[in-house]
Protein backbone atom coordinates (compact mmCIF):
# COMPACT_ATOMS: atom_id res chain seq x y z
CA UNK A 1 27.27 17.93 28.70
CA UNK A 2 25.27 17.23 31.91
CA UNK A 3 21.46 17.61 31.91
CA UNK A 4 20.43 21.26 32.09
CA UNK A 5 18.34 22.06 35.18
CA UNK A 6 19.46 25.65 35.75
CA UNK A 7 20.77 28.31 33.38
CA UNK A 8 22.52 31.60 34.11
CA UNK A 9 21.59 34.61 31.95
CA UNK A 10 23.81 37.59 31.36
CA UNK A 11 22.61 40.55 29.27
CA UNK A 12 24.00 43.63 27.66
CA UNK A 13 22.55 46.82 29.03
CA UNK A 14 20.57 49.42 27.14
CA UNK A 15 19.12 47.13 24.35
CA UNK A 16 15.78 48.52 23.25
CA UNK A 17 14.20 45.22 22.29
CA UNK A 18 15.78 43.22 25.11
CA UNK A 19 12.64 43.23 27.46
CA UNK A 20 10.63 41.32 24.90
CA UNK A 21 13.51 38.86 24.23
CA UNK A 22 14.22 38.20 27.91
CA UNK A 23 10.64 37.79 28.86
CA UNK A 24 10.09 35.28 26.04
CA UNK A 25 13.24 33.41 27.03
CA UNK A 26 12.18 33.14 30.67
CA UNK A 27 8.74 31.88 29.72
CA UNK A 28 10.37 29.29 27.39
CA UNK A 29 12.56 28.09 30.30
CA UNK A 30 9.64 28.02 32.81
CA UNK A 31 7.58 25.90 30.40
CA UNK A 32 10.44 23.41 30.48
CA UNK A 33 10.78 23.54 34.31
CA UNK A 34 14.30 24.96 34.01
CA UNK A 35 15.47 27.31 36.73
CA UNK A 36 17.40 30.46 35.92
CA UNK A 37 19.76 32.94 37.62
CA UNK A 38 19.76 36.48 36.12
CA UNK A 39 22.26 39.25 36.38
CA UNK A 40 21.04 42.77 37.14
CA UNK A 41 20.49 43.77 33.55
CA UNK A 42 18.47 40.63 32.78
CA UNK A 43 16.34 40.98 35.84
CA UNK A 44 15.71 44.59 34.97
CA UNK A 45 14.55 43.71 31.45
CA UNK A 46 12.27 40.99 32.87
CA UNK A 47 10.95 43.05 35.76
CA UNK A 48 11.75 40.03 37.98
CA UNK A 49 14.00 40.75 40.95
CA UNK A 50 16.10 39.47 42.64
CA UNK A 51 19.25 39.34 40.63
CA UNK A 52 22.76 38.03 41.21
CA UNK A 53 26.19 39.71 40.72
CA UNK A 54 27.67 38.47 37.44
CA UNK A 55 30.36 36.41 39.09
CA UNK A 56 27.60 34.53 41.00
CA UNK A 57 25.26 33.93 38.01
CA UNK A 58 27.08 30.74 36.95
CA UNK A 59 26.76 29.17 40.44
CA UNK A 60 24.80 25.88 40.13
CA UNK A 61 24.16 26.42 36.46
CA UNK A 62 24.81 23.96 33.67
CA UNK A 63 24.59 26.60 30.95
CA UNK A 64 25.12 30.30 30.73
CA UNK A 65 23.21 32.31 28.17
CA UNK A 66 24.76 35.59 27.02
CA UNK A 67 22.50 38.12 25.33
CA UNK A 68 24.57 40.87 23.72
CA UNK A 69 27.74 41.29 21.74
CA UNK A 70 31.34 40.21 22.11
CA UNK A 71 31.91 42.69 24.94
CA UNK A 72 29.15 41.07 27.03
CA UNK A 73 30.63 37.61 26.30
CA UNK A 74 34.09 38.76 27.48
CA UNK A 75 32.59 39.97 30.76
CA UNK A 76 30.73 36.57 31.12
CA UNK A 77 33.87 34.64 30.43
CA UNK A 78 35.72 36.35 33.28
CA UNK A 79 32.60 35.85 35.53
CA UNK A 80 32.70 32.10 34.84
CA UNK A 81 36.34 32.08 35.97
CA UNK A 82 37.42 28.84 34.37
CA UNK A 83 34.45 26.78 35.50
CA UNK A 84 33.47 24.00 33.01
CA UNK A 85 30.14 25.60 32.00
CA UNK A 86 29.28 26.09 28.32
CA UNK A 87 28.51 29.58 27.11
CA UNK A 88 25.56 30.03 24.76
CA UNK A 89 26.24 33.46 23.18
CA UNK A 90 23.43 35.19 21.24
CA UNK A 91 24.41 38.23 19.16
CA UNK A 92 22.32 41.31 20.01
CA UNK A 93 25.31 43.56 19.29
CA UNK A 94 27.21 44.57 16.25
CA UNK A 95 30.16 42.71 14.59
CA UNK A 96 30.14 39.71 16.98
CA UNK A 97 32.98 37.28 16.10
CA UNK A 98 32.35 35.24 19.22
CA UNK A 99 28.57 35.65 19.54
CA UNK A 100 27.81 33.65 16.44
CA UNK A 101 24.28 32.54 17.33
CA UNK A 102 21.70 34.87 15.82
CA UNK A 103 18.41 35.87 17.41
CA UNK A 104 16.50 33.79 14.85
CA UNK A 105 18.54 30.78 15.93
CA UNK A 106 17.97 31.31 19.67
CA UNK A 107 15.29 28.70 20.38
CA UNK A 108 16.30 26.04 17.72
CA UNK A 109 19.86 26.11 19.08
CA UNK A 110 18.64 26.01 22.68
CA UNK A 111 16.63 22.92 21.82
CA UNK A 112 19.79 21.33 20.44
CA UNK A 113 21.74 22.31 23.59
CA UNK A 114 19.10 20.78 25.92
CA UNK A 115 19.31 17.56 23.83
CA UNK A 116 23.08 17.51 24.22
CA UNK A 117 23.68 17.99 20.49
CA UNK A 118 26.07 20.91 20.75
CA UNK A 119 29.32 21.64 19.12
CA UNK A 120 31.69 23.27 21.60
CA UNK A 121 34.73 25.42 20.84
CA UNK A 122 37.19 25.40 23.70
CA UNK A 123 39.10 28.71 24.01
CA UNK A 124 42.10 29.10 26.36
CA UNK A 125 42.44 32.34 28.36
CA UNK A 126 45.60 34.47 29.12
CA UNK A 127 46.77 35.21 32.72
CA UNK A 128 48.32 38.49 33.52
CA UNK A 129 50.13 39.83 36.63
CA UNK A 130 51.12 43.48 37.26
CA UNK A 131 54.25 43.58 39.38
CA UNK A 132 55.49 46.67 41.30
CA UNK A 133 58.57 46.73 43.47
CA UNK A 134 58.74 42.97 43.44
CA UNK A 135 55.07 42.50 44.55
CA UNK A 136 52.09 41.34 42.48
CA UNK A 137 49.53 44.19 42.81
CA UNK A 138 47.04 42.87 40.27
CA UNK A 139 46.09 39.51 38.70
CA UNK A 140 43.76 39.07 35.77
CA UNK A 141 42.49 36.64 33.21
CA UNK A 142 41.67 37.67 29.63
CA UNK A 143 39.85 35.87 26.89
CA UNK A 144 40.88 38.24 24.10
CA UNK A 145 43.94 40.28 25.06
CA UNK A 146 46.13 42.13 27.49
CA UNK A 147 47.01 45.60 26.23
CA UNK A 148 49.66 48.02 27.50
CA UNK A 149 48.86 51.34 25.99
CA UNK A 150 49.35 55.14 26.26
CA UNK A 151 46.78 57.00 28.30
CA UNK A 152 47.85 60.54 27.30
CA UNK A 153 47.31 62.39 24.02
CA UNK A 154 50.00 62.18 21.35
CA UNK A 155 52.73 60.61 23.39
CA UNK A 156 54.37 57.22 22.67
CA UNK A 157 55.47 54.86 25.45
CA UNK A 158 58.56 52.85 25.95
CA UNK A 159 58.20 49.12 26.60
CA UNK A 160 61.09 46.60 26.93
CA UNK A 161 59.67 43.27 25.93
CA UNK A 162 61.01 39.72 26.63
CA UNK A 163 59.86 36.25 25.74
CA UNK A 164 61.09 33.56 28.21
CA UNK A 165 63.81 35.99 29.28
CA UNK A 166 64.98 36.53 25.64
CA UNK A 167 64.91 40.20 24.73
CA UNK A 168 62.61 40.92 21.82
CA UNK A 169 62.57 44.71 21.37
CA UNK A 170 62.41 48.06 23.05
CA UNK A 171 59.18 49.15 21.58
CA UNK A 172 58.50 52.89 21.20
CA UNK A 173 54.85 52.83 20.25
CA UNK A 174 51.31 53.73 21.18
CA UNK A 175 51.17 50.37 22.94
CA UNK A 176 51.46 46.59 22.71
CA UNK A 177 48.67 43.98 22.35
CA UNK A 178 49.34 40.53 23.86
CA UNK A 179 46.64 38.36 22.26
CA UNK A 180 45.18 34.92 22.43
CA UNK A 181 44.09 33.23 19.14
CA UNK A 182 40.54 34.20 20.17
CA UNK A 183 41.53 37.80 20.49
CA UNK A 184 43.35 37.84 17.10
CA UNK A 185 40.18 39.14 15.50
CA UNK A 186 39.86 41.98 18.03
CA UNK A 187 42.24 44.82 18.89
CA UNK A 188 45.22 42.90 17.47
CA UNK A 189 43.60 42.74 14.06
CA UNK A 190 42.88 46.44 14.06
CA UNK A 191 46.59 47.01 14.88
CA UNK A 192 47.71 44.94 11.91
CA UNK A 193 48.05 41.54 13.58
CA UNK A 194 47.23 38.16 11.88
CA UNK A 195 44.03 36.21 12.07
CA UNK A 196 44.87 33.03 14.04
CA UNK A 197 42.84 29.82 13.86
CA UNK A 198 41.35 29.26 17.37
CA UNK A 199 42.96 25.94 18.07
CA UNK A 200 46.52 27.12 17.38
CA UNK A 201 48.55 27.05 20.58
CA UNK A 202 50.19 30.43 20.53
CA UNK A 203 50.33 34.04 21.81
CA UNK A 204 50.60 37.03 19.53
CA UNK A 205 52.46 40.20 20.23
CA UNK A 206 51.25 43.10 18.17
CA UNK A 207 52.79 46.62 18.53
CA UNK A 208 50.36 49.55 18.09
CA UNK A 209 51.64 52.23 15.72
CA UNK A 210 55.30 51.57 16.42
CA UNK A 211 57.84 54.34 15.78
CA UNK A 212 60.14 51.77 14.07
CA UNK A 213 58.03 50.61 11.12
CA UNK A 214 59.94 47.33 10.88
CA UNK A 215 58.46 46.31 14.29
CA UNK A 216 55.95 43.64 13.17
CA UNK A 217 53.62 41.26 14.98
CA UNK A 218 55.39 38.22 16.54
CA UNK A 219 53.75 34.83 17.27
CA UNK A 220 55.24 32.68 19.97
CA UNK A 221 54.35 29.33 21.61
CA UNK A 222 51.58 29.43 24.30
CA UNK A 223 54.14 27.82 26.66
CA UNK A 224 56.10 31.16 26.62
CA UNK A 225 56.07 33.84 29.33
CA UNK A 226 55.77 37.40 28.09
CA UNK A 227 57.53 39.99 30.21
CA UNK A 228 57.01 43.71 29.64
CA UNK A 229 58.94 46.45 31.50
CA UNK A 230 57.53 49.96 31.40
CA UNK A 231 60.13 52.67 30.92
CA UNK A 232 57.65 55.57 30.58
CA UNK A 233 57.48 58.20 33.25
CA UNK A 234 53.65 58.33 33.17
CA UNK A 235 50.64 58.01 30.86
CA UNK A 236 50.66 54.19 30.61
CA UNK A 237 47.68 51.92 31.22
CA UNK A 238 47.07 48.17 31.46
CA UNK A 239 43.69 46.95 29.95
CA UNK A 240 42.22 43.48 30.18
CA UNK A 241 39.78 42.61 27.31
CA UNK A 242 39.24 46.34 26.87
CA UNK A 243 37.07 46.41 30.03
CA UNK A 244 39.14 46.41 33.20
CA UNK A 245 42.62 47.55 34.17
CA UNK A 246 44.74 50.12 36.00
CA UNK A 247 47.57 52.65 35.50
CA UNK A 248 51.12 51.52 35.09
CA UNK A 249 54.10 53.28 36.69
CA UNK A 250 57.66 53.46 35.38
CA UNK A 251 59.50 50.31 36.36
CA UNK A 252 56.28 48.20 36.64
CA UNK A 253 56.40 44.83 34.94
CA UNK A 254 53.58 42.98 33.23
CA UNK A 255 53.87 39.19 33.02
CA UNK A 256 51.57 37.19 30.63
CA UNK A 257 51.31 33.50 30.15
CA UNK A 258 48.77 30.98 28.83
CA UNK A 259 46.10 30.23 31.50
CA UNK A 260 44.84 26.89 32.77
CA UNK A 261 41.36 28.40 32.43
CA UNK A 262 39.35 27.70 29.34
CA UNK A 263 36.00 28.89 28.06
CA UNK A 264 33.58 26.48 26.25
CA UNK A 265 31.63 28.27 23.53
CA UNK A 266 28.60 26.63 21.99
CA UNK A 267 28.90 27.07 18.21
CA UNK A 268 26.18 26.80 15.57
CA UNK A 269 26.57 23.42 13.86
CA UNK A 270 26.88 24.93 10.39
CA UNK A 271 28.94 27.99 11.20
CA UNK A 272 32.67 27.23 11.07
CA UNK A 273 35.55 29.67 11.69
CA UNK A 274 36.06 30.68 8.14
CA UNK A 275 32.33 31.05 7.61
CA UNK A 276 32.38 33.61 10.47
CA UNK A 277 35.33 35.39 8.84
CA UNK A 278 33.64 35.60 5.46
CA UNK A 279 30.50 36.91 7.10
CA UNK A 280 32.03 39.43 9.52
CA UNK A 281 34.94 40.65 7.41
CA UNK A 282 32.96 40.55 4.11
CA UNK A 283 35.45 38.24 2.48
CA UNK A 284 34.39 37.23 -1.00
CA UNK A 285 32.09 34.29 -1.65
CA UNK A 286 32.74 31.75 -4.35
């Protein structure tokens, strides 16, 4: 990792103790003559305008610090847009599968990062296109998942699903989760999908409450293209990482494939994937 001269900082809004944390962090950086670029939430906590839009925070930075939970990290990942900048994610939220650095570890781990002693996990993203009448009307990249789901109460939707032009199933369900290995511990897990080791090169399709109970999660190669045709009249919605998206009409097609974009997550040296699972999912200790 190149020497760190400037860091970007992205923060979760509405954290009660965040002003104290942010002001301490900025003072720590100033004492080391390191510049910083803050998003609006961070600047508000610090009382130090100006701020930058999130997609401009990484410009010129060698490290992006994320203060929040996994949702804040997902937003930061899309803001980085595939740029080769490590993400230093500090958990100020709840469960936090991805934000594995605790507040107590903030400064010791930052010291390690500035010395270049980091362990980095590379996570591949998922590209998605929404196609209507033969035209691409929306393009997205997701770190966790692309979800096609119902947007009306108590009504299932109909989704014809293909993998590399091979018909898989006509799902009648509450929806379908197309997940990266990183996203396997998010919505897909809640819908009954498997936990996937982050380095496995695959995409997971997990139906949400399918009408046919034998419809089970399917794991395919990350070289595959997932093609979903919506056959529902209305009440269908496309969601990216649970944060952005748009309505889907009957006849719309959603195309998903593994992205060329990757995210570099700085991981605590003693916290491995199964350690995170044991801690977050309360799996038994020896």
